[in-house]
Amino acid sequence: MKNIGKLLLVGLLSVTFQDAGAFAPGERVIVLNSGDGTVSVVDPIARKELRRIPVGKEPHHLLLTPDGKELLVANAASDDLVFLNPLSGEVLRRIPAISDPYHIGFSPDRKWFLSASNRLDRIDIYHADGFKLAKRLPAPRVPSHIAFTADSKMAFVTLQESHEFVAIDLERQEIAWKMPTGKQPAGIWMTPDDKHLLIGIMGESQVEVFDWRARKLVKKIPTGLGAHNFAARGDGRHLFVTNRVANTVSIIDQQTLSVTETFKVPGGPDCMEVTADGSQLWITSRWIRAVTIVDLKTKQVVGQIPVGKSPHGLFFVSHAPRR
């Protein structure tokens, strides 16, 4: 029994030391609880929720501002943006009258801020400086996720219930073209070479790959049922995709456009963040009110942290590169 106790203690200490190396002193993990309109502020070393802050109705996605000073939370049902301190989760300010911001994104040139209005079937283009509405584009049905070209000339948005995606000419501020996809397209990702768009097909079991310049579907990558959202490994090559119904995460090689590995993650895995040292993958488990932590060396779940209802977006400052 003493030996077992020593092994458990060594294991606990090794996890603690690993966490300490992955995060800056005093850093917090920010988790959006879309089902109860709160943000959970999590201590990543102690692996526990410290407090839960009301922010608005249905906070789904969050995004660091281009200057890195604020963390922007989009409240879809209360029609506003809340800005947090990205290290502590403290509420700094609020911008009202941003209609139905579900998924959000800044163009790489920092000129435009896009909001996919999931509930109202439109895509809103704002000036990033001041968040003044520039153009409102009807886009039925159910705009979902956003991606950009590196030169900021084009944006792409999946339409979850019409089973297609649209290309937006940001200079003309109009929809340039549409393409059909599989059932319920969700997450969308531009490869580092700006050549291919990857789209998670939530109503099926694959990621679809499009040559967006040729407007052509070039490949279907089998992953798992409910292929949903993406996060970069941080090495410029590999990409994680959550398979929400299959309760798995797959790793995609963006050069070969193939799956290299798939591992189990419980509870409806959704949004992800990778630690800067590459040691951990943090994932919101949407259906079990928890954040799940995976050791990326072993691909095993090493911890779960209870949070609020229907956790969706999450963020921490010490994250891996986005490519």
Protein backbone atom coordinates (compact mmCIF):
# COMPACT_ATOMS: atom_id res chain seq x y z
CA MET A 1 0.00 0.00 0.00
CA LYS A 2 2.86 2.37 0.78
CA ASN A 3 4.32 1.81 -2.69
CA ILE A 4 0.94 2.49 -4.31
CA GLY A 5 0.61 5.68 -2.28
CA LYS A 6 4.08 6.79 -3.37
CA LEU A 7 3.25 6.15 -7.02
CA LEU A 8 0.04 8.16 -6.76
CA LEU A 9 1.91 11.01 -5.09
CA VAL A 10 4.63 10.99 -7.75
CA GLY A 11 1.97 11.01 -10.49
CA LEU A 12 0.16 13.91 -8.87
CA LEU A 13 3.36 15.88 -8.44
CA SER A 14 4.41 15.25 -12.05
CA VAL A 15 1.05 16.57 -13.30
CA THR A 16 1.39 19.62 -11.05
CA PHE A 17 4.90 20.37 -12.31
CA GLN A 18 3.76 19.91 -15.91
CA ASP A 19 0.90 22.35 -15.37
CA ALA A 20 3.23 24.84 -13.71
CA GLY A 21 5.46 24.76 -16.79
CA ALA A 22 2.55 25.13 -19.19
CA PHE A 23 1.06 28.27 -17.65
CA ALA A 24 2.32 31.66 -16.51
CA PRO A 25 2.14 32.48 -12.77
CA GLY A 26 -1.37 33.54 -11.83
CA GLU A 27 -2.75 32.77 -15.28
CA ARG A 28 -6.37 31.66 -15.55
CA VAL A 29 -8.32 29.60 -18.04
CA ILE A 30 -11.49 31.33 -19.28
CA VAL A 31 -14.47 29.10 -20.15
CA LEU A 32 -17.77 30.27 -21.64
CA ASN A 33 -20.86 28.55 -20.28
CA SER A 34 -23.39 29.20 -23.04
CA GLY A 35 -26.24 27.48 -21.20
CA ASP A 36 -26.21 29.68 -18.11
CA GLY A 37 -24.74 32.94 -19.42
CA THR A 38 -21.57 32.87 -17.36
CA VAL A 39 -17.80 32.70 -17.61
CA SER A 40 -15.91 30.20 -15.48
CA VAL A 41 -12.51 31.40 -14.26
CA VAL A 42 -10.34 28.30 -13.74
CA ASP A 43 -7.05 27.86 -11.91
CA PRO A 44 -5.06 25.57 -14.27
CA ILE A 45 -2.59 24.50 -11.58
CA ALA A 46 -5.12 23.56 -8.91
CA ARG A 47 -7.48 22.44 -11.68
CA LYS A 48 -10.58 23.96 -10.16
CA GLU A 49 -13.12 26.66 -10.91
CA LEU A 50 -12.38 29.76 -8.83
CA ARG A 51 -15.47 31.79 -9.66
CA ARG A 52 -18.33 32.09 -12.13
CA ILE A 53 -19.12 35.52 -13.57
CA PRO A 54 -22.43 36.46 -15.27
CA VAL A 55 -21.66 38.07 -18.63
CA GLY A 56 -24.84 37.91 -20.76
CA LYS A 57 -27.11 35.49 -22.58
CA GLU A 58 -25.56 32.66 -24.59
CA PRO A 59 -21.85 33.44 -24.70
CA HIS A 60 -20.61 30.99 -27.34
CA HIS A 61 -17.29 32.16 -28.76
CA LEU A 62 -14.44 34.37 -27.62
CA LEU A 63 -11.50 36.04 -29.29
CA LEU A 64 -8.41 37.96 -28.27
CA THR A 65 -8.38 41.50 -29.62
CA PRO A 66 -5.64 42.17 -32.22
CA ASP A 67 -3.59 44.18 -29.71
CA GLY A 68 -3.73 41.28 -27.24
CA LYS A 69 -5.00 43.48 -24.42
CA GLU A 70 -8.59 42.27 -24.13
CA LEU A 71 -10.54 39.04 -24.52
CA LEU A 72 -13.75 39.59 -26.42
CA VAL A 73 -16.82 37.49 -25.50
CA ALA A 74 -19.77 37.41 -27.91
CA ASN A 75 -23.18 37.13 -26.23
CA ALA A 76 -25.50 35.90 -28.98
CA ALA A 77 -28.85 36.22 -27.18
CA SER A 78 -28.20 39.48 -25.29
CA ASP A 79 -26.77 41.15 -28.42
CA ASP A 80 -23.56 42.55 -27.00
CA LEU A 81 -19.81 42.13 -26.63
CA VAL A 82 -18.08 41.89 -23.27
CA PHE A 83 -14.34 42.52 -22.91
CA LEU A 84 -12.36 40.65 -20.26
CA ASN A 85 -8.85 40.82 -18.88
CA PRO A 86 -7.35 37.81 -20.72
CA LEU A 87 -5.20 36.76 -17.76
CA SER A 88 -7.69 37.11 -14.91
CA GLY A 89 -11.14 37.04 -16.52
CA GLU A 90 -12.09 40.38 -14.94
CA VAL A 91 -14.84 42.22 -16.86
CA LEU A 92 -13.42 45.44 -18.33
CA ARG A 93 -16.15 46.89 -20.53
CA ARG A 94 -19.18 46.13 -22.67
CA ILE A 95 -20.36 47.21 -26.14
CA PRO A 96 -24.15 46.96 -26.62
CA ALA A 97 -26.20 46.70 -29.82
CA ILE A 98 -24.08 44.06 -31.57
CA SER A 99 -26.86 41.94 -33.04
CA ASP A 100 -26.69 38.17 -32.45
CA PRO A 101 -22.91 37.66 -32.41
CA TYR A 102 -22.47 33.88 -32.51
CA HIS A 103 -19.10 33.17 -34.11
CA ILE A 104 -16.73 36.13 -34.54
CA GLY A 105 -13.45 36.97 -36.23
CA PHE A 106 -11.03 39.78 -37.02
CA SER A 107 -9.61 39.91 -40.53
CA PRO A 108 -5.81 39.40 -40.48
CA ASP A 109 -5.22 43.02 -41.53
CA ARG A 110 -7.25 44.11 -38.45
CA LYS A 111 -9.57 46.19 -40.62
CA TRP A 112 -12.80 44.20 -40.30
CA PHE A 113 -14.69 42.40 -37.55
CA LEU A 114 -17.16 39.76 -38.72
CA SER A 115 -20.08 38.30 -36.79
CA ALA A 116 -22.00 35.23 -37.92
CA SER A 117 -25.56 35.79 -36.73
CA ASN A 118 -26.61 32.21 -36.24
CA ARG A 119 -30.14 32.96 -35.07
CA LEU A 120 -30.94 35.76 -37.53
CA ASP A 121 -29.49 34.23 -40.72
CA ARG A 122 -27.05 36.96 -41.65
CA ILE A 123 -23.39 37.94 -41.56
CA ASP A 124 -22.49 41.36 -40.19
CA ILE A 125 -19.34 43.24 -41.19
CA TYR A 126 -18.12 45.86 -38.71
CA HIS A 127 -15.20 48.26 -38.79
CA ALA A 128 -12.77 46.67 -36.34
CA ASP A 129 -11.84 50.09 -35.00
CA GLY A 130 -14.92 51.12 -33.05
CA PHE A 131 -17.21 48.22 -34.06
CA LYS A 132 -19.40 50.37 -36.33
CA LEU A 133 -21.62 48.35 -38.66
CA ALA A 134 -20.45 48.56 -42.29
CA LYS A 135 -22.61 45.97 -44.07
CA ARG A 136 -25.25 43.36 -43.26
CA LEU A 137 -25.41 40.35 -45.59
CA PRO A 138 -28.40 37.96 -45.60
CA ALA A 139 -27.08 34.38 -45.41
CA PRO A 140 -29.69 31.71 -44.80
CA ARG A 141 -29.64 29.29 -43.11
CA VAL A 142 -27.82 29.43 -39.78
CA PRO A 143 -24.39 31.03 -40.38
CA SER A 144 -21.95 29.15 -38.19
CA HIS A 145 -18.15 29.62 -38.33
CA ILE A 146 -15.75 32.04 -40.05
CA ALA A 147 -12.33 31.83 -41.75
CA PHE A 148 -10.22 34.34 -43.71
CA THR A 149 -7.60 34.39 -46.44
CA ALA A 150 -4.19 35.59 -45.30
CA ASP A 151 -4.46 38.75 -47.42
CA SER A 152 -7.84 39.65 -45.83
CA LYS A 153 -9.53 39.92 -49.22
CA MET A 154 -11.94 37.03 -48.62
CA ALA A 155 -13.88 35.55 -45.73
CA PHE A 156 -15.74 32.24 -45.66
CA VAL A 157 -18.73 31.30 -43.50
CA THR A 158 -20.41 27.91 -43.12
CA LEU A 159 -24.21 27.77 -43.32
CA GLN A 160 -25.17 24.99 -40.98
CA GLU A 161 -28.74 24.30 -42.04
CA SER A 162 -28.53 24.95 -45.79
CA HIS A 163 -25.50 22.64 -46.05
CA GLU A 164 -23.18 25.03 -47.85
CA PHE A 165 -20.61 27.74 -47.29
CA VAL A 166 -20.31 31.25 -48.69
CA ALA A 167 -17.35 33.31 -49.84
CA ILE A 168 -17.45 37.00 -48.97
CA ASP A 169 -15.51 39.60 -50.91
CA LEU A 170 -14.42 41.91 -48.11
CA GLU A 171 -13.38 44.71 -50.46
CA ARG A 172 -16.77 44.77 -52.16
CA GLN A 173 -18.56 43.67 -48.98
CA GLU A 174 -20.77 41.21 -50.80
CA ILE A 175 -21.25 37.47 -51.11
CA ALA A 176 -19.16 36.39 -54.09
CA TRP A 177 -20.26 32.75 -54.37
CA LYS A 178 -21.60 29.67 -52.55
CA MET A 179 -20.68 26.00 -52.54
CA PRO A 180 -22.59 22.94 -51.27
CA THR A 181 -21.16 20.79 -48.47
CA GLY A 182 -22.18 17.74 -46.51
CA LYS A 183 -24.84 17.90 -43.80
CA GLN A 184 -24.49 20.63 -41.17
CA PRO A 185 -21.11 22.23 -41.86
CA ALA A 186 -19.66 23.84 -38.73
CA GLY A 187 -16.00 24.67 -38.08
CA ILE A 188 -14.01 26.04 -41.01
CA TRP A 189 -10.21 26.33 -41.23
CA MET A 190 -7.74 27.76 -43.74
CA THR A 191 -4.54 25.74 -44.17
CA PRO A 192 -1.25 27.59 -43.53
CA ASP A 193 -0.45 27.71 -47.26
CA ASP A 194 -3.79 29.47 -47.88
CA LYS A 195 -4.66 26.78 -50.42
CA HIS A 196 -7.37 24.65 -48.82
CA LEU A 197 -10.41 25.20 -46.65
CA LEU A 198 -11.21 22.42 -44.21
CA ILE A 199 -14.83 22.15 -43.03
CA GLY A 200 -16.11 19.97 -40.21
CA ILE A 201 -19.28 18.19 -41.33
CA MET A 202 -21.20 17.90 -38.08
CA GLY A 203 -24.09 15.91 -39.53
CA GLU A 204 -21.73 13.27 -40.90
CA SER A 205 -18.32 11.76 -40.06
CA GLN A 206 -15.77 13.68 -42.06
CA VAL A 207 -13.87 16.85 -42.74
CA GLU A 208 -14.32 18.14 -46.29
CA VAL A 209 -11.40 19.78 -48.09
CA PHE A 210 -12.03 22.51 -50.67
CA ASP A 211 -9.71 24.19 -53.13
CA TRP A 212 -11.44 27.52 -52.68
CA ARG A 213 -9.76 29.19 -55.66
CA ALA A 214 -10.91 26.43 -58.01
CA ARG A 215 -14.21 26.19 -56.10
CA LYS A 216 -13.85 22.44 -55.92
CA LEU A 217 -14.24 19.72 -53.30
CA VAL A 218 -10.95 17.83 -53.45
CA LYS A 219 -11.17 15.34 -50.59
CA LYS A 220 -13.21 13.95 -47.72
CA ILE A 221 -11.19 13.02 -44.62
CA PRO A 222 -12.94 10.45 -42.39
CA THR A 223 -12.66 11.54 -38.74
CA GLY A 224 -15.68 10.68 -36.58
CA LEU A 225 -19.38 11.40 -36.26
CA GLY A 226 -20.13 15.04 -35.52
CA ALA A 227 -16.89 16.55 -36.92
CA HIS A 228 -17.16 20.01 -35.49
CA ASN A 229 -14.32 22.42 -34.67
CA PHE A 230 -10.59 22.93 -35.22
CA ALA A 231 -7.48 23.98 -33.28
CA ALA A 232 -3.88 24.13 -34.48
CA ARG A 233 -1.27 21.85 -32.94
CA GLY A 234 1.12 24.78 -33.13
CA ASP A 235 3.76 23.09 -35.30
CA GLY A 236 2.58 24.61 -38.58
CA ARG A 237 1.42 21.24 -39.86
CA HIS A 238 -1.03 19.37 -37.63
CA LEU A 239 -4.59 20.23 -36.70
CA PHE A 240 -7.03 18.90 -34.11
CA VAL A 241 -10.70 18.36 -34.94
CA THR A 242 -13.37 17.50 -32.39
CA ASN A 243 -15.83 14.75 -33.31
CA ARG A 244 -18.62 15.75 -30.98
CA VAL A 245 -20.97 12.78 -31.40
CA ALA A 246 -18.22 10.15 -31.58
CA ASN A 247 -16.59 11.59 -28.42
CA THR A 248 -13.19 11.65 -30.07
CA VAL A 249 -10.55 14.08 -31.32
CA SER A 250 -8.65 13.44 -34.56
CA ILE A 251 -5.29 14.85 -35.65
CA ILE A 252 -5.09 15.92 -39.29
CA ASP A 253 -1.84 16.39 -41.22
CA GLN A 254 -2.45 19.55 -43.24
CA GLN A 255 0.19 18.59 -45.82
CA THR A 256 -1.07 15.08 -46.60
CA LEU A 257 -4.72 15.92 -45.74
CA SER A 258 -5.11 12.72 -43.77
CA VAL A 259 -5.77 11.64 -40.17
CA THR A 260 -2.68 10.56 -38.27
CA GLU A 261 -4.35 9.64 -34.99
CA THR A 262 -7.72 9.64 -33.19
CA PHE A 263 -8.21 9.45 -29.40
CA LYS A 264 -11.15 9.43 -27.01
CA VAL A 265 -12.47 12.56 -25.29
CA PRO A 266 -15.76 12.25 -23.39
CA GLY A 267 -18.82 14.43 -23.10
CA GLY A 268 -19.27 15.99 -26.55
CA PRO A 269 -15.87 17.63 -27.21
CA ASP A 270 -16.24 21.08 -28.74
CA CYS A 271 -13.74 23.98 -28.56
CA MET A 272 -10.04 23.49 -27.84
CA GLU A 273 -6.87 25.25 -26.75
CA VAL A 274 -3.30 23.88 -26.80
CA THR A 275 -0.71 24.92 -24.20
CA ALA A 276 2.28 26.85 -25.53
CA ASP A 277 4.68 24.06 -24.59
CA GLY A 278 2.57 21.58 -26.57
CA SER A 279 2.03 19.27 -23.62
CA GLN A 280 -1.72 19.60 -23.08
CA LEU A 281 -4.96 19.90 -25.02
CA TRP A 282 -7.82 21.56 -23.14
CA ILE A 283 -11.32 20.84 -24.47
CA THR A 284 -14.83 21.90 -23.49
CA SER A 285 -16.99 18.82 -22.96
CA ARG A 286 -20.30 20.36 -23.95
CA TRP A 287 -22.70 17.76 -22.62
CA ILE A 288 -21.23 17.06 -19.18
CA ARG A 289 -20.51 20.58 -17.86
CA ALA A 290 -16.77 20.06 -17.77
CA VAL A 291 -13.42 20.97 -19.27
CA THR A 292 -11.32 17.95 -20.20
CA ILE A 293 -7.50 17.93 -20.23
CA VAL A 294 -5.56 15.54 -22.48
CA ASP A 295 -1.85 14.76 -22.15
CA LEU A 296 -0.62 15.09 -25.73
CA LYS A 297 2.27 12.69 -25.23
CA THR A 298 0.06 9.79 -24.19
CA LYS A 299 -3.24 11.02 -25.72
CA GLN A 300 -4.92 10.14 -22.43
CA VAL A 301 -7.39 12.18 -20.41
CA VAL A 302 -5.55 13.38 -17.29
CA GLY A 303 -8.18 15.61 -15.71
CA GLN A 304 -11.67 17.07 -15.83
CA ILE A 305 -12.85 20.31 -14.23
CA PRO A 306 -16.55 20.94 -13.52
CA VAL A 307 -17.78 24.27 -14.93
CA GLY A 308 -21.17 25.70 -15.96
CA LYS A 309 -23.92 24.52 -18.28
CA SER A 310 -23.02 23.75 -21.91
CA PRO A 311 -19.39 24.99 -21.90
CA HIS A 312 -18.36 26.19 -25.33
CA GLY A 313 -15.45 28.56 -26.03
CA LEU A 314 -12.29 28.57 -23.88
CA PHE A 315 -9.05 30.53 -23.82
CA PHE A 316 -5.76 30.95 -22.04
CA VAL A 317 -2.90 33.30 -22.79
CA SER A 318 -0.13 30.68 -22.85
CA HIS A 319 -1.45 28.96 -25.95
CA ALA A 320 0.39 27.37 -28.86
CA PRO A 321 0.74 29.22 -32.21
CA ARG A 322 -2.50 29.32 -34.19
CA ARG A 323 -0.92 27.50 -37.14
